[in-house]
């Protein structure tokens, strides 16, 4: 019930980094089995979008149950994740949400993760080259109400182009580091 949801959201809070994004290591951070940009660590945009949406929806339920204080806590958490997604996960040049953040901060975490797990880290350039913008992540942005009005058409265009051209990258993230 509600205690289980509270426990789940508390665990998410514990795995929230200094940027205000949910980040879990050594997990299958999948939104589905596609060639998305995924590794065993990192700030996965879709996960943060889904978490923000779930928190806001649970807040609505809690309001109906009269648990106003907890509802406000969850709504504020959800809005905070949504704000972080729009600050860090949007690529202004590409006009799209990235699958996983690829910058110096994320690279430092990745290198630390590789040392901890005994993996050989990519160079910074190799790490950056793994970045991807997918139809899936940008569709999730629309479905989970994370897109500000001024960005919506860009996400819609990514989805429509995929449908119109029939070009969709399918597969598995088997090359996960």
Protein backbone atom coordinates (compact mmCIF):
# COMPACT_ATOMS: atom_id res chain seq x y z
CA UNK A 1 0.00 0.00 0.00
CA UNK A 2 1.02 3.54 0.76
CA UNK A 3 3.87 2.45 3.04
CA UNK A 4 5.40 0.48 0.18
CA UNK A 5 5.18 3.48 -2.17
CA UNK A 6 6.75 5.66 0.49
CA UNK A 7 9.60 3.19 0.88
CA UNK A 8 10.13 3.06 -2.88
CA UNK A 9 10.21 6.84 -3.21
CA UNK A 10 12.55 7.12 -0.22
CA UNK A 11 14.95 4.73 -1.93
CA UNK A 12 14.76 6.83 -5.09
CA UNK A 13 15.55 9.90 -3.02
CA UNK A 14 18.64 8.14 -1.64
CA UNK A 15 19.80 7.46 -5.20
CA UNK A 16 19.32 11.05 -6.30
CA UNK A 17 22.55 12.85 -7.12
CA UNK A 18 23.73 16.41 -6.64
CA UNK A 19 22.00 17.50 -9.87
CA UNK A 20 18.67 16.31 -8.55
CA UNK A 21 18.50 13.33 -10.90
CA UNK A 22 17.82 9.70 -10.03
CA UNK A 23 20.88 7.62 -10.80
CA UNK A 24 21.22 3.93 -10.07
CA UNK A 25 24.40 1.91 -10.65
CA UNK A 26 24.72 -1.72 -11.70
CA UNK A 27 21.17 -2.06 -12.95
CA UNK A 28 19.38 -2.57 -16.24
CA UNK A 29 18.24 1.01 -16.75
CA UNK A 30 15.97 -0.03 -19.59
CA UNK A 31 12.85 1.61 -20.86
CA UNK A 32 12.51 -1.24 -23.33
CA UNK A 33 14.84 -3.47 -25.35
CA UNK A 34 16.15 -1.00 -27.88
CA UNK A 35 19.49 0.45 -28.86
CA UNK A 36 19.21 3.31 -26.44
CA UNK A 37 22.27 4.92 -24.92
CA UNK A 38 22.55 2.93 -21.72
CA UNK A 39 25.34 1.84 -19.45
CA UNK A 40 25.39 0.25 -16.02
CA UNK A 41 25.67 3.71 -14.52
CA UNK A 42 24.51 7.18 -15.40
CA UNK A 43 21.59 9.56 -15.38
CA UNK A 44 18.97 7.93 -17.59
CA UNK A 45 16.53 10.56 -18.80
CA UNK A 46 13.51 8.26 -19.22
CA UNK A 47 13.84 6.89 -15.68
CA UNK A 48 13.76 10.42 -14.32
CA UNK A 49 10.75 11.31 -16.46
CA UNK A 50 8.82 8.27 -15.24
CA UNK A 51 9.77 8.92 -11.62
CA UNK A 52 8.64 12.55 -11.84
CA UNK A 53 5.32 11.49 -13.35
CA UNK A 54 4.71 8.75 -10.75
CA UNK A 55 5.42 11.12 -7.87
CA UNK A 56 2.99 13.72 -9.22
CA UNK A 57 0.28 11.13 -9.88
CA UNK A 58 0.65 9.58 -6.41
CA UNK A 59 0.43 13.10 -4.96
CA UNK A 60 -2.99 13.45 -6.62
CA UNK A 61 -4.13 10.19 -5.03
CA UNK A 62 -2.84 11.25 -1.62
CA UNK A 63 -4.74 14.55 -1.91
CA UNK A 64 -7.94 12.58 -2.51
CA UNK A 65 -7.19 10.56 0.62
CA UNK A 66 -6.69 13.72 2.65
CA UNK A 67 -2.94 13.22 3.14
CA UNK A 68 -2.12 16.76 2.07
CA UNK A 69 1.35 17.06 3.63
CA UNK A 70 2.61 13.86 1.99
CA UNK A 71 0.92 14.87 -1.28
CA UNK A 72 2.79 18.17 -1.28
CA UNK A 73 6.08 16.38 -0.52
CA UNK A 74 5.63 14.02 -3.46
CA UNK A 75 4.43 16.72 -5.81
CA UNK A 76 7.45 18.86 -4.96
CA UNK A 77 9.77 15.88 -5.50
CA UNK A 78 8.15 15.16 -8.86
CA UNK A 79 8.41 18.75 -9.97
CA UNK A 80 12.04 18.83 -8.84
CA UNK A 81 12.91 15.78 -10.99
CA UNK A 82 11.02 17.30 -13.91
CA UNK A 83 12.96 20.55 -13.52
CA UNK A 84 16.28 18.66 -13.41
CA UNK A 85 15.32 16.70 -16.55
CA UNK A 86 14.65 19.89 -18.41
CA UNK A 87 17.82 21.52 -17.17
CA UNK A 88 20.29 18.68 -17.73
CA UNK A 89 18.72 16.20 -20.19
CA UNK A 90 17.73 18.59 -22.98
CA UNK A 91 20.19 19.07 -25.83
CA UNK A 92 19.66 22.60 -27.10
CA UNK A 93 21.60 22.03 -30.34
CA UNK A 94 19.63 18.91 -31.26
CA UNK A 95 16.33 20.17 -29.82
CA UNK A 96 15.75 16.83 -28.12
CA UNK A 97 16.13 14.93 -24.87
CA UNK A 98 19.22 12.72 -24.63
CA UNK A 99 18.93 9.12 -23.49
CA UNK A 100 21.69 9.50 -20.90
CA UNK A 101 23.61 12.62 -19.91
CA UNK A 102 27.10 12.80 -21.40
CA UNK A 103 29.17 15.62 -19.92
CA UNK A 104 32.24 16.07 -17.72
CA UNK A 105 30.29 15.49 -14.51
CA UNK A 106 28.75 12.27 -15.82
CA UNK A 107 32.13 11.14 -17.17
CA UNK A 108 33.79 11.60 -13.77
CA UNK A 109 31.09 9.42 -12.19
CA UNK A 110 31.50 6.85 -14.97
CA UNK A 111 35.29 6.65 -14.48
CA UNK A 112 34.83 6.25 -10.73
CA UNK A 113 32.25 3.51 -11.36
CA UNK A 114 34.65 1.71 -13.73
CA UNK A 115 37.43 1.77 -11.12
CA UNK A 116 35.07 0.43 -8.46
CA UNK A 117 33.84 -2.40 -10.70
CA UNK A 118 37.19 -3.25 -12.32
CA UNK A 119 36.17 -2.15 -15.81
CA UNK A 120 38.32 -0.25 -18.27
CA UNK A 121 36.90 3.20 -18.87
CA UNK A 122 36.44 4.73 -22.29
CA UNK A 123 38.32 7.90 -23.07
CA UNK A 124 36.26 11.04 -22.71
CA UNK A 125 35.85 11.26 -26.49
CA UNK A 126 34.72 7.62 -26.70
CA UNK A 127 32.32 8.20 -23.83
CA UNK A 128 30.82 11.23 -25.55
CA UNK A 129 30.47 9.29 -28.80
CA UNK A 130 28.12 6.81 -27.07
CA UNK A 131 25.53 9.54 -26.60
CA UNK A 132 22.23 9.08 -28.35
CA UNK A 133 18.91 10.74 -28.85
CA UNK A 134 16.13 8.23 -29.28
CA UNK A 135 12.53 8.25 -30.35
CA UNK A 136 11.72 6.33 -27.17
CA UNK A 137 13.09 8.90 -24.74
CA UNK A 138 11.48 11.82 -26.55
CA UNK A 139 8.15 9.97 -26.70
CA UNK A 140 8.39 9.32 -22.97
CA UNK A 141 8.92 13.05 -22.47
CA UNK A 142 5.51 13.60 -24.06
CA UNK A 143 3.77 10.69 -22.35
CA UNK A 144 5.06 11.59 -18.90
CA UNK A 145 4.31 15.30 -19.20
CA UNK A 146 7.91 16.46 -18.87
CA UNK A 147 8.02 18.72 -21.91
CA UNK A 148 7.51 22.47 -21.59
CA UNK A 149 5.18 23.85 -24.25
CA UNK A 150 7.99 25.45 -26.27
CA UNK A 151 9.71 22.05 -26.71
CA UNK A 152 6.71 19.82 -27.43
CA UNK A 153 6.74 20.15 -31.20
CA UNK A 154 10.38 19.02 -31.37
CA UNK A 155 9.48 15.81 -29.52
CA UNK A 156 6.38 15.28 -31.64
CA UNK A 157 8.46 15.74 -34.81
CA UNK A 158 10.96 13.08 -33.68
CA UNK A 159 8.12 10.61 -33.15
CA UNK A 160 6.33 11.45 -36.39
CA UNK A 161 9.52 11.24 -38.45
CA UNK A 162 10.16 7.76 -37.06
CA UNK A 163 6.64 6.63 -37.96
CA UNK A 164 6.65 8.28 -41.40
CA UNK A 165 10.06 6.94 -42.44
CA UNK A 166 9.62 3.56 -40.79
CA UNK A 167 13.10 3.95 -39.35
CA UNK A 168 13.26 2.57 -35.88
CA UNK A 169 16.40 1.16 -34.30
CA UNK A 170 15.53 -2.12 -32.67
CA UNK A 171 17.81 -4.46 -30.84
CA UNK A 172 19.38 -4.87 -27.46
CA UNK A 173 21.74 -2.78 -25.38
CA UNK A 174 24.13 -5.75 -25.32
CA UNK A 175 27.15 -3.48 -25.51
CA UNK A 176 26.51 -2.13 -22.04
CA UNK A 177 29.63 -1.28 -20.09
